[in-house]
N, C-alpha and C. Protein backbone atom coordinates (compact mmCIF):
# COMPACT_ATOMS: atom_id res chain seq x y z
N MET A 1 1.52 -1.14 0.35
CA MET A 1 0.33 0.21 -0.31
C MET A 1 1.11 1.10 -0.05
N GLU A 2 0.36 2.62 -0.64
CA GLU A 2 1.43 3.85 -0.74
C GLU A 2 0.83 4.05 0.51
N LYS A 3 1.82 4.83 1.20
CA LYS A 3 1.82 5.25 1.75
C LYS A 3 1.56 7.04 2.17
N LYS A 4 0.30 7.71 2.22
CA LYS A 4 0.07 8.48 2.39
C LYS A 4 1.56 9.81 3.01
N TYR A 5 1.61 9.19 4.51
CA TYR A 5 2.39 10.67 5.19
C TYR A 5 3.78 9.73 5.14
N ILE A 6 5.07 10.25 4.72
CA ILE A 6 6.21 9.64 4.54
C ILE A 6 6.82 10.86 6.14
N VAL A 7 7.24 10.27 6.78
CA VAL A 7 8.53 10.83 7.51
C VAL A 7 9.60 10.18 7.69
N ARG A 8 10.20 12.16 7.47
CA ARG A 8 11.96 12.32 7.44
C ARG A 8 12.29 12.94 8.03
N LEU A 9 12.71 12.15 8.78
CA LEU A 9 13.20 13.48 10.16
C LEU A 9 14.85 14.00 10.14
N SER A 10 14.95 15.53 10.02
CA SER A 10 15.73 15.90 10.30
C SER A 10 17.69 15.42 10.83
N LYS A 11 18.33 15.40 10.84
CA LYS A 11 20.26 14.84 11.80
C LYS A 11 19.10 15.69 13.15
N GLN A 12 19.09 16.89 13.87
CA GLN A 12 18.63 16.91 15.10
C GLN A 12 17.19 15.98 15.27
N GLU A 13 16.33 16.25 14.60
CA GLU A 13 15.15 15.08 15.16
C GLU A 13 15.24 13.43 15.61
N ARG A 14 15.94 13.55 15.09
CA ARG A 14 17.30 11.81 15.11
C ARG A 14 17.51 11.52 16.06
N ASP A 15 18.47 12.98 16.25
CA ASP A 15 19.16 12.47 17.71
C ASP A 15 18.61 12.39 19.26
N THR A 16 17.51 13.85 18.88
CA THR A 16 16.41 13.58 20.07
C THR A 16 15.89 12.68 20.08
N LEU A 17 15.63 11.52 18.81
CA LEU A 17 14.47 10.31 19.37
C LEU A 17 15.49 9.40 19.78
N THR A 18 16.47 9.76 19.55
CA THR A 18 17.46 8.14 19.61
C THR A 18 18.42 8.51 21.61
N ASP A 19 17.67 10.11 21.98
CA ASP A 19 18.35 10.51 23.27
C ASP A 19 16.97 9.65 23.69
N VAL A 20 15.48 10.32 23.57
CA VAL A 20 14.39 9.59 24.31
C VAL A 20 14.78 8.35 24.73
N ARG A 21 14.56 7.53 23.54
CA ARG A 21 14.84 5.55 23.61
C ARG A 21 16.21 5.05 24.59
N LYS A 22 16.51 6.06 24.14
CA LYS A 22 17.74 5.26 25.14
C LYS A 22 18.06 5.82 26.17
N ARG A 23 18.08 6.28 26.92
CA ARG A 23 17.99 7.27 28.21
C ARG A 23 16.65 7.53 28.86
N LEU A 24 15.21 6.58 28.16
CA LEU A 24 14.20 6.40 28.50
C LEU A 24 13.22 7.64 28.70
N LYS A 25 13.29 8.52 28.07
CA LYS A 25 12.91 9.91 28.82
C LYS A 25 11.78 9.91 28.96
N GLY A 26 10.82 10.41 29.06
CA GLY A 26 8.98 10.59 29.64
C GLY A 26 8.27 9.47 29.94
N SER A 27 7.64 9.71 29.12
CA SER A 27 6.90 8.02 29.57
C SER A 27 6.85 7.38 28.35
N ALA A 28 6.62 5.99 29.60
CA ALA A 28 6.16 4.74 28.12
C ALA A 28 5.28 4.96 26.27
N GLN A 29 4.67 6.25 27.24
CA GLN A 29 4.37 6.44 25.18
C GLN A 29 5.06 6.95 25.29
N LYS A 30 5.52 7.83 25.21
CA LYS A 30 6.46 9.25 24.27
C LYS A 30 7.27 8.11 23.55
N VAL A 31 8.60 7.14 24.06
CA VAL A 31 9.24 6.28 24.87
C VAL A 31 8.85 5.51 23.44
N ARG A 32 7.85 5.16 23.36
CA ARG A 32 7.10 4.39 22.03
C ARG A 32 7.18 4.87 21.13
N ARG A 33 6.75 6.23 20.99
CA ARG A 33 6.30 7.25 19.58
C ARG A 33 7.88 6.81 19.35
N ALA A 34 9.13 7.38 20.13
CA ALA A 34 10.42 7.89 19.14
C ALA A 34 10.70 6.55 18.86
N GLU A 35 10.13 5.05 18.75
CA GLU A 35 10.91 4.26 18.23
C GLU A 35 10.37 3.89 17.53
N ILE A 36 8.82 3.70 17.27
CA ILE A 36 8.42 3.73 15.68
C ILE A 36 8.49 4.59 14.97
N LEU A 37 8.91 6.26 15.42
CA LEU A 37 9.42 7.26 14.08
C LEU A 37 10.80 6.62 14.17
N LEU A 38 11.31 7.10 14.52
CA LEU A 38 13.09 5.72 14.01
C LEU A 38 13.16 5.26 13.11
N LYS A 39 11.75 4.09 13.89
CA LYS A 39 11.91 3.33 12.63
C LYS A 39 11.48 3.43 11.25
N ALA A 40 10.35 4.02 10.60
CA ALA A 40 9.79 4.60 10.08
C ALA A 40 10.37 5.26 9.30
N ASP A 41 11.46 5.56 8.97
CA ASP A 41 11.91 7.25 8.94
C ASP A 41 13.18 6.45 7.44
N VAL A 42 12.30 7.18 6.01
CA VAL A 42 13.19 6.91 5.06
C VAL A 42 14.58 7.69 5.46
N ARG A 43 14.61 8.35 5.95
CA ARG A 43 15.99 8.09 5.79
C ARG A 43 16.96 7.27 6.79
N GLY A 44 16.70 6.16 7.50
CA GLY A 44 17.17 5.10 7.41
C GLY A 44 16.28 3.76 7.98
N PRO A 45 15.92 2.94 8.66
CA PRO A 45 16.24 2.06 8.54
C PRO A 45 15.16 1.63 7.93
N ASN A 46 13.35 2.40 7.62
CA ASN A 46 12.39 2.75 6.75
C ASN A 46 11.81 1.59 6.27
N TRP A 47 11.19 1.25 7.81
CA TRP A 47 10.84 -0.17 8.26
C TRP A 47 9.16 -0.08 6.98
N THR A 48 8.83 -1.32 7.01
CA THR A 48 6.90 -1.27 6.75
C THR A 48 6.13 -1.45 8.16
N ASP A 49 4.82 -0.36 8.43
CA ASP A 49 4.44 -0.57 8.89
C ASP A 49 4.34 -1.80 9.66
N THR A 50 4.34 -3.06 9.45
CA THR A 50 3.57 -4.14 9.50
C THR A 50 4.39 -4.75 10.60
N LYS A 51 5.55 -4.89 9.98
CA LYS A 51 7.34 -4.55 10.64
C LYS A 51 7.44 -3.57 11.77
N ILE A 52 6.54 -2.60 11.77
CA ILE A 52 7.05 -2.11 13.30
C ILE A 52 5.70 -2.42 14.04
N THR A 53 4.52 -2.88 12.99
CA THR A 53 2.77 -3.03 14.26
C THR A 53 3.99 -3.90 15.46
N GLU A 54 4.42 -5.26 14.62
CA GLU A 54 5.23 -6.70 14.86
C GLU A 54 6.03 -6.14 16.59
N ALA A 55 7.15 -5.28 15.37
CA ALA A 55 7.75 -4.88 16.53
C ALA A 55 7.89 -4.60 17.76
N PHE A 56 6.54 -3.42 17.90
CA PHE A 56 6.53 -2.84 19.02
C PHE A 56 5.03 -3.16 19.37
N SER A 57 4.72 -4.03 19.37
CA SER A 57 2.61 -4.82 19.49
C SER A 57 1.94 -4.02 19.19
N CYS A 58 1.60 -3.39 18.49
CA CYS A 58 1.07 -2.19 18.43
C CYS A 58 0.21 -2.34 16.75
N ARG A 59 -0.62 -1.72 16.59
CA ARG A 59 -1.75 -1.48 15.02
C ARG A 59 -1.17 -0.93 14.50
N VAL A 60 -1.46 -1.31 13.22
CA VAL A 60 -0.95 -0.50 12.09
C VAL A 60 -1.54 0.97 11.60
N GLN A 61 -2.71 0.79 12.27
CA GLN A 61 -3.55 2.43 12.56
C GLN A 61 -2.75 3.46 13.69
N THR A 62 -2.27 2.69 14.41
CA THR A 62 -0.60 3.59 15.46
C THR A 62 0.23 3.74 14.56
N VAL A 63 -0.24 3.18 13.38
CA VAL A 63 2.13 3.98 13.13
C VAL A 63 1.46 4.92 12.12
N GLU A 64 0.05 4.62 11.71
CA GLU A 64 -0.33 5.53 10.30
C GLU A 64 -0.33 7.28 11.56
N ASN A 65 -1.91 6.44 12.47
CA ASN A 65 -1.67 7.81 12.67
C ASN A 65 -1.04 9.17 13.36
N LEU A 66 0.84 7.78 13.79
CA LEU A 66 1.51 8.64 14.18
C LEU A 66 2.20 9.64 13.26
N ARG A 67 2.51 8.70 11.93
CA ARG A 67 3.01 8.76 11.02
C ARG A 67 2.13 10.60 10.72
N LYS A 68 0.93 11.00 10.06
CA LYS A 68 0.13 11.95 10.16
C LYS A 68 0.77 12.87 10.92
N ARG A 69 0.89 12.55 11.99
CA ARG A 69 0.71 12.98 13.20
C ARG A 69 2.26 14.68 13.29
N LEU A 70 2.62 13.57 12.88
CA LEU A 70 4.16 14.23 12.66
C LEU A 70 4.01 15.28 11.52
N VAL A 71 3.97 14.96 10.06
CA VAL A 71 3.36 15.10 8.75
C VAL A 71 2.50 16.96 9.33
N VAL A 72 1.98 16.45 9.86
CA VAL A 72 0.06 17.71 9.75
C VAL A 72 0.28 18.04 11.13
N GLU A 73 1.26 18.25 12.15
CA GLU A 73 1.23 18.91 13.19
C GLU A 73 2.32 19.63 14.04
N GLY A 74 3.08 18.32 13.54
CA GLY A 74 5.00 19.34 13.91
C GLY A 74 5.03 17.54 14.64
N PHE A 75 7.05 17.51 14.65
CA PHE A 75 7.27 16.78 15.50
C PHE A 75 6.76 16.91 16.81
N GLU A 76 7.39 18.26 17.99
CA GLU A 76 6.86 18.01 18.98
C GLU A 76 6.01 17.07 19.73
N ILE A 77 4.85 17.20 18.53
CA ILE A 77 2.92 17.09 18.98
C ILE A 77 3.39 15.70 18.35
N ALA A 78 4.02 15.00 17.64
CA ALA A 78 4.00 13.81 17.47
C ALA A 78 4.57 13.19 18.76
N LEU A 79 5.37 13.86 18.52
CA LEU A 79 6.48 12.94 19.66
C LEU A 79 5.96 13.12 21.30
N ASN A 80 5.47 14.18 21.97
CA ASN A 80 4.92 14.72 23.50
C ASN A 80 3.36 13.92 23.42
N GLY A 81 2.63 14.29 21.77
CA GLY A 81 0.71 13.74 22.41
C GLY A 81 0.45 15.52 22.78
N LYS A 82 -0.78 15.85 22.18
CA LYS A 82 -1.40 17.01 22.14
C LYS A 82 -1.64 16.81 24.09
N PRO A 83 -1.80 17.98 23.81
CA PRO A 83 -2.23 18.94 25.41
C PRO A 83 -4.07 18.66 25.34
N ARG A 84 -4.13 18.20 26.59
CA ARG A 84 -5.90 18.44 26.82
C ARG A 84 -6.80 19.13 27.11
N ALA A 85 -7.47 18.96 25.58
CA ALA A 85 -8.27 20.52 25.70
C ALA A 85 -9.17 21.22 26.24
N ALA A 86 -9.76 19.75 27.34
CA ALA A 86 -10.21 20.64 28.61
C ALA A 86 -9.65 19.85 29.51
N PRO A 87 -8.80 20.56 30.83
CA PRO A 87 -9.40 20.18 32.42
C PRO A 87 -9.89 19.05 32.59
N PRO A 88 -9.44 17.83 33.68
CA PRO A 88 -10.28 17.17 34.17
C PRO A 88 -11.31 18.00 35.01
N ARG A 89 -12.78 17.53 34.99
CA ARG A 89 -13.92 17.05 35.60
C ARG A 89 -13.39 18.20 36.76
N GLN A 90 -14.07 18.87 37.57
CA GLN A 90 -13.75 18.79 39.19
C GLN A 90 -14.32 18.01 40.29
N LYS A 91 -14.24 17.78 40.89
CA LYS A 91 -14.72 17.64 41.76
C LYS A 91 -16.62 17.78 42.16
N VAL A 92 -17.71 17.05 42.54
CA VAL A 92 -18.59 16.99 42.87
C VAL A 92 -19.35 17.77 43.83
N LEU A 93 -17.56 16.61 44.89
CA LEU A 93 -18.18 16.34 46.96
C LEU A 93 -16.83 17.38 47.32
N ASP A 94 -16.59 17.82 48.35
CA ASP A 94 -15.64 18.55 49.03
C ASP A 94 -15.09 18.00 49.83
N GLY A 95 -14.17 17.55 50.91
CA GLY A 95 -13.32 16.48 51.52
C GLY A 95 -14.66 16.46 52.86
N LYS A 96 -15.04 17.59 53.85
CA LYS A 96 -16.23 17.44 54.86
C LYS A 96 -17.98 16.12 53.82
N GLN A 97 -18.35 17.24 52.37
CA GLN A 97 -19.10 15.68 52.23
C GLN A 97 -18.84 15.10 52.19
N GLU A 98 -16.89 14.29 51.06
CA GLU A 98 -16.75 12.30 51.54
C GLU A 98 -17.02 12.23 52.95
N ALA A 99 -16.52 12.75 53.57
CA ALA A 99 -16.24 12.00 55.11
C ALA A 99 -17.97 11.45 55.50
N GLN A 100 -18.89 12.63 55.03
CA GLN A 100 -20.35 11.74 56.38
C GLN A 100 -21.05 11.07 54.25
N VAL A 101 -20.08 10.86 53.74
CA VAL A 101 -20.50 9.33 52.79
C VAL A 101 -20.21 8.71 53.54
N ILE A 102 -19.21 8.57 54.01
CA ILE A 102 -18.90 7.64 54.08
C ILE A 102 -19.08 6.51 55.43
N ALA A 103 -18.93 7.51 56.47
CA ALA A 103 -19.84 7.73 57.20
C ALA A 103 -21.49 6.79 57.31
N MET A 104 -22.31 7.85 56.29
CA MET A 104 -23.65 7.54 56.21
C MET A 104 -23.82 5.34 55.62
N ARG A 105 -22.49 5.49 54.64
CA ARG A 105 -22.17 3.69 54.38
C ARG A 105 -21.81 3.09 55.31
N LEU A 106 -21.29 3.37 56.38
CA LEU A 106 -20.67 2.50 57.49
C LEU A 106 -21.67 2.11 58.97
N GLY A 107 -22.78 3.57 58.35
CA GLY A 107 -23.45 3.37 59.73
C GLY A 107 -24.95 2.79 59.83
N GLN A 108 -25.83 2.31 59.95
CA GLN A 108 -26.84 2.04 59.84
C GLN A 108 -27.33 1.86 58.34
N LEU A 109 -27.87 1.33 57.94
CA LEU A 109 -28.79 0.54 56.45
C LEU A 109 -30.28 1.14 56.60
N PRO A 110 -30.84 1.52 55.54
CA PRO A 110 -32.63 2.45 55.48
C PRO A 110 -33.15 0.66 56.10
N LYS A 111 -34.05 1.01 56.79
CA LYS A 111 -34.76 -0.06 56.12
C LYS A 111 -35.14 -1.33 55.29
N GLY A 112 -35.30 -2.05 55.16
CA GLY A 112 -35.61 -2.90 53.99
C GLY A 112 -34.20 -3.20 52.82
N TYR A 113 -33.04 -2.62 52.82
CA TYR A 113 -31.88 -2.37 52.49
C TYR A 113 -31.51 -3.83 53.41
N ALA A 114 -30.97 -4.46 52.09
CA ALA A 114 -29.79 -5.01 52.73
C ALA A 114 -28.12 -4.47 52.62
N ASN A 115 -28.12 -3.50 51.87
CA ASN A 115 -26.70 -3.10 51.59
C ASN A 115 -27.05 -1.60 50.74
N TRP A 116 -25.87 -1.06 51.42
CA TRP A 116 -26.19 0.89 50.17
C TRP A 116 -26.05 0.37 49.21
N SER A 117 -26.60 0.78 48.09
CA SER A 117 -26.00 1.07 46.44
C SER A 117 -25.73 3.11 46.59
N LEU A 118 -25.07 2.85 45.07
CA LEU A 118 -25.19 4.17 44.69
C LEU A 118 -25.97 5.44 44.84
N ARG A 119 -27.47 4.81 44.49
CA ARG A 119 -28.08 5.19 44.10
C ARG A 119 -29.15 5.59 45.25
N LEU A 120 -28.73 4.73 46.08
CA LEU A 120 -29.81 4.47 47.80
C LEU A 120 -29.01 5.58 48.49
N LEU A 121 -27.20 5.90 48.12
CA LEU A 121 -25.84 6.83 48.51
C LEU A 121 -26.58 8.48 47.56
N ALA A 122 -26.74 8.18 47.14
CA ALA A 122 -26.86 9.86 46.10
C ALA A 122 -28.72 10.76 47.20
N GLU A 123 -29.96 9.49 46.77
CA GLU A 123 -30.95 9.68 47.45
C GLU A 123 -30.98 10.82 48.43
N ARG A 124 -30.14 10.53 49.54
CA ARG A 124 -29.72 10.13 50.59
C ARG A 124 -29.66 11.45 51.00
N MET A 125 -28.51 11.61 50.13
CA MET A 125 -27.63 12.50 50.71
C MET A 125 -28.17 13.84 49.81
N VAL A 126 -29.26 13.49 49.23
CA VAL A 126 -30.25 14.79 48.64
C VAL A 126 -31.23 15.18 49.13
N GLU A 127 -31.71 14.54 50.80
CA GLU A 127 -32.82 14.39 51.60
C GLU A 127 -32.39 14.57 52.59
N LEU A 128 -31.11 14.79 53.09
CA LEU A 128 -30.23 15.55 54.34
C LEU A 128 -29.81 17.10 54.00
N GLY A 129 -30.04 17.17 52.44
CA GLY A 129 -29.70 18.51 52.52
C GLY A 129 -27.64 18.33 51.95
N LEU A 130 -27.72 17.69 51.57
CA LEU A 130 -25.82 17.62 51.79
C LEU A 130 -25.51 18.26 50.76
N VAL A 131 -26.49 18.03 49.43
CA VAL A 131 -25.73 18.21 47.54
C VAL A 131 -27.14 18.10 47.45
N GLU A 132 -27.70 19.46 46.18
CA GLU A 132 -28.40 19.14 45.16
C GLU A 132 -29.10 18.45 45.22
N SER A 133 -28.18 17.89 43.66
CA SER A 133 -28.51 16.66 42.84
C SER A 133 -26.94 16.37 42.84
N ILE A 134 -26.94 15.22 42.90
CA ILE A 134 -25.84 13.90 42.64
C ILE A 134 -26.82 12.54 41.91
N SER A 135 -24.68 12.30 41.62
CA SER A 135 -25.29 11.88 40.57
C SER A 135 -23.70 10.46 40.19
């Protein structure tokens, strides 16, 4: 199959990737990306996508996506990945409310119930006025 995105690394980029691989600098994902890019380089080993997937236990689409990201978005994003678009969600309960949920869970069960369910805990939190709504 004809490759749509060709990896052509500069000497500096190749040195950076080799350094990441040798020193295991960064996350496991970053090291793996560095290894894949080094093997996909047309001025280097120029391995096929199939050979890369066998060597690094990944899918062909992973290699294709990494090639595309390098060509379209640049070296830094291909190596380090994209930053998060949105920050992680904020906590719904504060520490005091969490303590009350734990105390409720460890306390007496409501009549007619064998154990606490998440739904039952959520309903009880609303009944007690600890939160307006929770799911």
